[in-house]
Amino acid sequence: MTAYDAGEVIWPKGGQVAAWTYIVSGLVGASVPLQEGSCIHVNVYGRRTWFGEEALLNRYPSCLEYVCLTPVRAVSIPAEDTLAAFHSEPDFSRYIALLMAWRSRQNSEMIVLMKQGSPPLRVVMGLALFAEALNYNSSRPPTHGLEGPSLEIPVKQSVIASVCGVSRGVFSELVQHLAAAGWLRVNYATLELRSSEAWLRFSRTQRQARMGVTKPTLEELLLLMEEAAKV
């Protein structure tokens, strides 16, 4: 068991992943650092989630940076033990293969959306990442184990804005519009996502579609979210 502070990097981009890591508590963000100093966040991992398998099995330096968004407690299985199980346990090998295939698609879809999308799309999809991470077994399909109709994000709004790839001012403005539309509740220092199932359906649908319109307005996104809520 290892404890990490918020903001601490578990595996840097270009670093060797020496263990498969399981999150006991907290949130970990996976991102692609960019040359200008910013980054594209492609996933957020929550409790009961493993990460780092692709770099570990390929034996390549990590193409993602894994940073703690909150204090994190994690358990790690050394690389040699993970690889031994992969080669000797067929069920384990199938699980890892399916997990890697699904995450590779998920990450590539998110990179397209977050790099080409409008600020409203980045904010909505960034918030949806947290909705996925805060639901049990959201790290692989199908997402299940919903723990309630609403979810509180235990992260400062400035950190959420960085995950969304927008400035704090733009984030605050869009949050107020989402709150007025009933999709968010702004609490002291935190945000609460309302209608969590709709957030999850919206995220899944838009990633799969890769959004033919990559510069949607907030009004267009709200209509799409309303459609997701009706399913």
Protein backbone atom coordinates (compact mmCIF):
# COMPACT_ATOMS: atom_id res chain seq x y z
CA MET A 1 0.00 0.00 0.00
CA THR A 2 1.34 3.42 -0.98
CA ALA A 3 -0.09 6.83 -0.08
CA TYR A 4 0.23 9.79 -2.47
CA ASP A 5 -0.55 13.47 -2.02
CA ALA A 6 -2.77 15.45 -4.38
CA GLY A 7 -0.67 16.68 -7.30
CA GLU A 8 1.92 13.92 -6.94
CA VAL A 9 2.92 12.13 -10.16
CA ILE A 10 2.76 8.34 -9.90
CA TRP A 11 4.18 7.60 -13.36
CA PRO A 12 5.56 10.42 -15.57
CA LYS A 13 5.27 10.40 -19.35
CA GLY A 14 8.35 8.67 -20.69
CA GLY A 15 8.96 6.86 -17.41
CA GLN A 16 9.09 3.10 -17.02
CA VAL A 17 5.94 1.63 -15.46
CA ALA A 18 7.27 -0.81 -12.88
CA ALA A 19 3.97 -2.09 -11.50
CA TRP A 20 0.28 -2.56 -12.24
CA THR A 21 -1.52 -0.23 -9.85
CA TYR A 22 -4.91 -0.53 -8.14
CA ILE A 23 -6.62 2.52 -6.63
CA VAL A 24 -7.99 1.87 -3.15
CA SER A 25 -9.19 5.46 -2.69
CA GLY A 26 -8.87 8.76 -4.52
CA LEU A 27 -8.75 9.89 -8.15
CA VAL A 28 -5.88 9.64 -10.65
CA GLY A 29 -5.79 11.55 -13.94
CA ALA A 30 -4.13 10.23 -17.09
CA SER A 31 -2.95 12.88 -19.52
CA VAL A 32 -0.77 13.56 -22.55
CA PRO A 33 1.59 16.50 -21.79
CA LEU A 34 1.97 18.98 -24.65
CA GLN A 35 5.04 20.99 -25.65
CA GLU A 36 3.53 24.32 -24.65
CA GLY A 37 3.20 23.12 -21.06
CA SER A 38 -0.48 22.20 -21.11
CA CYS A 39 -1.88 18.69 -21.41
CA ILE A 40 -4.82 16.71 -22.76
CA HIS A 41 -6.55 14.65 -20.10
CA VAL A 42 -7.81 11.41 -21.60
CA ASN A 43 -9.08 9.57 -18.53
CA VAL A 44 -9.76 9.80 -14.81
CA TYR A 45 -9.47 6.65 -12.72
CA GLY A 46 -11.33 6.18 -9.45
CA ARG A 47 -11.33 3.63 -6.65
CA ARG A 48 -11.41 -0.08 -7.49
CA THR A 49 -9.67 0.65 -10.79
CA TRP A 50 -6.40 -0.68 -12.23
CA PHE A 51 -4.13 1.37 -14.51
CA GLY A 52 -0.76 1.18 -16.28
CA GLU A 53 -1.22 -2.18 -17.99
CA GLU A 54 -0.43 -1.08 -21.56
CA ALA A 55 3.03 0.35 -20.88
CA LEU A 56 3.80 -2.50 -18.50
CA LEU A 57 2.96 -5.29 -20.96
CA ASN A 58 4.54 -3.54 -23.96
CA ARG A 59 7.64 -2.75 -21.90
CA TYR A 60 7.70 0.73 -23.39
CA PRO A 61 7.99 4.00 -21.46
CA SER A 62 4.56 5.32 -20.54
CA CYS A 63 2.90 7.53 -23.16
CA LEU A 64 0.66 9.00 -20.44
CA GLU A 65 1.35 10.86 -17.22
CA TYR A 66 -0.54 9.62 -14.17
CA VAL A 67 -1.06 12.34 -11.55
CA CYS A 68 -3.08 12.27 -8.33
CA LEU A 69 -6.06 14.64 -8.48
CA THR A 70 -6.81 13.95 -4.79
CA PRO A 71 -4.91 12.15 -2.03
CA VAL A 72 -4.62 8.55 -3.23
CA ARG A 73 -4.03 5.18 -1.61
CA ALA A 74 -2.93 2.49 -4.03
CA VAL A 75 -1.70 -1.10 -4.16
CA SER A 76 0.81 -2.19 -6.79
CA ILE A 77 1.69 -5.58 -8.27
CA PRO A 78 5.31 -5.62 -9.48
CA ALA A 79 5.79 -5.86 -13.24
CA GLU A 80 7.45 -9.28 -13.11
CA ASP A 81 4.52 -10.78 -11.17
CA THR A 82 1.95 -9.21 -13.51
CA LEU A 83 3.80 -10.49 -16.58
CA ALA A 84 4.11 -13.98 -15.05
CA ALA A 85 0.34 -14.10 -14.48
CA PHE A 86 -0.28 -12.80 -18.00
CA HIS A 87 1.76 -15.64 -19.51
CA SER A 88 0.49 -18.43 -17.27
CA GLU A 89 -3.18 -17.58 -16.52
CA PRO A 90 -5.49 -17.62 -19.58
CA ASP A 91 -8.40 -15.90 -17.81
CA PHE A 92 -6.10 -13.12 -16.59
CA SER A 93 -4.66 -12.71 -20.10
CA ARG A 94 -8.14 -12.37 -21.62
CA TYR A 95 -9.12 -9.81 -19.01
CA ILE A 96 -6.02 -7.69 -19.69
CA ALA A 97 -6.46 -7.97 -23.48
CA LEU A 98 -10.08 -6.78 -23.33
CA LEU A 99 -9.21 -4.00 -20.90
CA MET A 100 -6.36 -2.72 -23.09
CA ALA A 101 -8.45 -2.84 -26.28
CA TRP A 102 -11.33 -0.92 -24.72
CA ARG A 103 -9.12 1.69 -23.05
CA SER A 104 -7.12 2.28 -26.23
CA ARG A 105 -10.33 3.13 -28.08
CA GLN A 106 -11.63 5.20 -25.16
CA ASN A 107 -8.42 7.22 -24.92
CA SER A 108 -8.17 7.89 -28.66
CA GLU A 109 -11.80 9.04 -28.77
CA MET A 110 -11.23 11.40 -25.85
CA ILE A 111 -8.06 12.86 -27.38
CA VAL A 112 -9.98 13.73 -30.56
CA LEU A 113 -12.80 15.37 -28.61
CA MET A 114 -10.63 17.27 -26.15
CA LYS A 115 -8.13 18.50 -28.76
CA GLN A 116 -10.62 19.58 -31.43
CA GLY A 117 -13.69 20.38 -29.36
CA SER A 118 -15.11 23.72 -28.30
CA PRO A 119 -14.66 24.94 -24.68
CA PRO A 120 -18.25 23.89 -23.79
CA LEU A 121 -17.57 20.40 -25.14
CA ARG A 122 -14.31 20.17 -23.21
CA VAL A 123 -16.04 21.13 -19.97
CA VAL A 124 -18.98 18.77 -20.41
CA MET A 125 -16.77 15.84 -21.44
CA GLY A 126 -14.28 16.62 -18.68
CA LEU A 127 -17.07 16.51 -16.10
CA ALA A 128 -18.31 13.27 -17.67
CA LEU A 129 -14.85 11.75 -17.07
CA PHE A 130 -15.37 12.32 -13.37
CA ALA A 131 -18.84 10.78 -13.57
CA GLU A 132 -17.28 7.65 -15.06
CA ALA A 133 -14.42 7.54 -12.56
CA LEU A 134 -16.74 7.87 -9.57
CA ASN A 135 -18.85 4.89 -10.65
CA TYR A 136 -17.70 1.39 -9.79
CA ASN A 137 -16.23 -0.55 -12.72
CA SER A 138 -16.42 2.42 -15.06
CA SER A 139 -12.92 1.58 -16.28
CA ARG A 140 -14.26 -1.11 -18.59
CA PRO A 141 -17.61 -1.79 -20.27
CA PRO A 142 -20.32 -2.03 -19.29
CA THR A 143 -20.45 0.76 -16.73
CA HIS A 144 -22.48 -0.48 -13.80
CA GLY A 145 -22.76 -0.19 -10.05
CA LEU A 146 -24.24 3.31 -9.98
CA GLU A 147 -24.21 4.49 -6.39
CA GLY A 148 -26.93 7.13 -6.61
CA PRO A 149 -28.65 9.71 -8.82
CA SER A 150 -26.00 12.35 -8.07
CA LEU A 151 -22.24 12.39 -7.63
CA GLU A 152 -20.05 14.86 -5.76
CA ILE A 153 -16.65 15.52 -7.34
CA PRO A 154 -14.14 15.73 -4.44
CA VAL A 155 -11.75 17.97 -6.39
CA LYS A 156 -11.23 21.74 -6.41
CA GLN A 157 -12.81 23.54 -9.33
CA SER A 158 -9.41 24.83 -10.44
CA VAL A 159 -8.22 21.22 -10.84
CA ILE A 160 -11.40 20.23 -12.69
CA ALA A 161 -10.87 23.19 -15.05
CA SER A 162 -7.36 21.93 -15.83
CA VAL A 163 -8.73 18.46 -16.56
CA CYS A 164 -11.23 20.07 -18.93
CA GLY A 165 -8.47 22.04 -20.65
CA VAL A 166 -10.02 25.49 -20.16
CA SER A 167 -9.25 28.56 -18.07
CA ARG A 168 -10.75 28.98 -14.61
CA GLY A 169 -12.88 31.89 -15.85
CA VAL A 170 -14.34 29.96 -18.79
CA PHE A 171 -14.97 26.98 -16.54
CA SER A 172 -16.83 29.06 -13.93
CA GLU A 173 -19.06 30.65 -16.57
CA LEU A 174 -20.01 27.31 -18.12
CA VAL A 175 -20.57 25.72 -14.70
CA GLN A 176 -23.09 28.44 -13.86
CA HIS A 177 -25.01 27.72 -17.08
CA LEU A 178 -24.98 23.96 -16.39
CA ALA A 179 -26.19 24.59 -12.85
CA ALA A 180 -29.01 26.83 -14.10
CA ALA A 181 -30.05 24.04 -16.49
CA GLY A 182 -30.21 21.58 -13.59
CA TRP A 183 -27.22 19.39 -14.49
CA LEU A 184 -24.98 20.58 -11.65
CA ARG A 185 -25.24 21.75 -8.09
CA VAL A 186 -22.48 24.10 -6.93
CA ASN A 187 -21.57 23.33 -3.32
CA TYR A 188 -18.89 24.94 -1.18
CA ALA A 189 -15.58 24.21 -2.98
CA THR A 190 -17.07 21.22 -4.84
CA LEU A 191 -19.45 20.35 -7.66
CA GLU A 192 -22.24 17.78 -7.62
CA LEU A 193 -23.26 16.10 -10.87
CA ARG A 194 -26.99 15.50 -11.03
CA SER A 195 -28.62 12.71 -13.08
CA SER A 196 -25.41 10.69 -13.16
CA GLU A 197 -26.83 8.06 -15.51
CA ALA A 198 -27.52 10.74 -18.13
CA TRP A 199 -23.93 12.02 -17.81
CA LEU A 200 -22.63 8.50 -18.44
CA ARG A 201 -24.89 7.86 -21.45
CA PHE A 202 -24.02 11.24 -22.94
CA SER A 203 -20.28 10.59 -22.59
CA ARG A 204 -20.47 7.13 -24.12
CA THR A 205 -22.62 8.28 -27.04
CA GLN A 206 -20.50 11.30 -27.92
CA ARG A 207 -17.20 9.43 -27.75
CA GLN A 208 -18.51 6.71 -30.02
CA ALA A 209 -19.85 9.29 -32.48
CA ARG A 210 -16.67 11.38 -32.20
CA MET A 211 -19.03 14.35 -32.54
CA GLY A 212 -19.43 15.26 -36.19
CA VAL A 213 -19.71 18.85 -34.95
CA THR A 214 -16.55 19.40 -32.92
CA LYS A 215 -17.36 23.00 -32.02
CA PRO A 216 -20.85 22.66 -30.47
CA THR A 217 -22.34 25.45 -28.42
CA LEU A 218 -23.46 24.88 -24.86
CA GLU A 219 -27.08 25.08 -26.01
CA GLU A 220 -26.49 22.25 -28.50
CA LEU A 221 -24.81 20.16 -25.79
CA LEU A 222 -27.69 20.73 -23.38
CA LEU A 223 -30.10 19.39 -25.99
CA LEU A 224 -27.95 16.28 -26.41
CA MET A 225 -27.84 15.77 -22.65
CA GLU A 226 -31.61 16.05 -22.47
CA GLU A 227 -31.84 13.32 -25.11
CA ALA A 228 -29.51 11.13 -23.06
CA ALA A 229 -31.69 11.65 -20.00
CA LYS A 230 -34.76 10.37 -21.87
CA VAL A 231 -33.21 7.01 -22.82
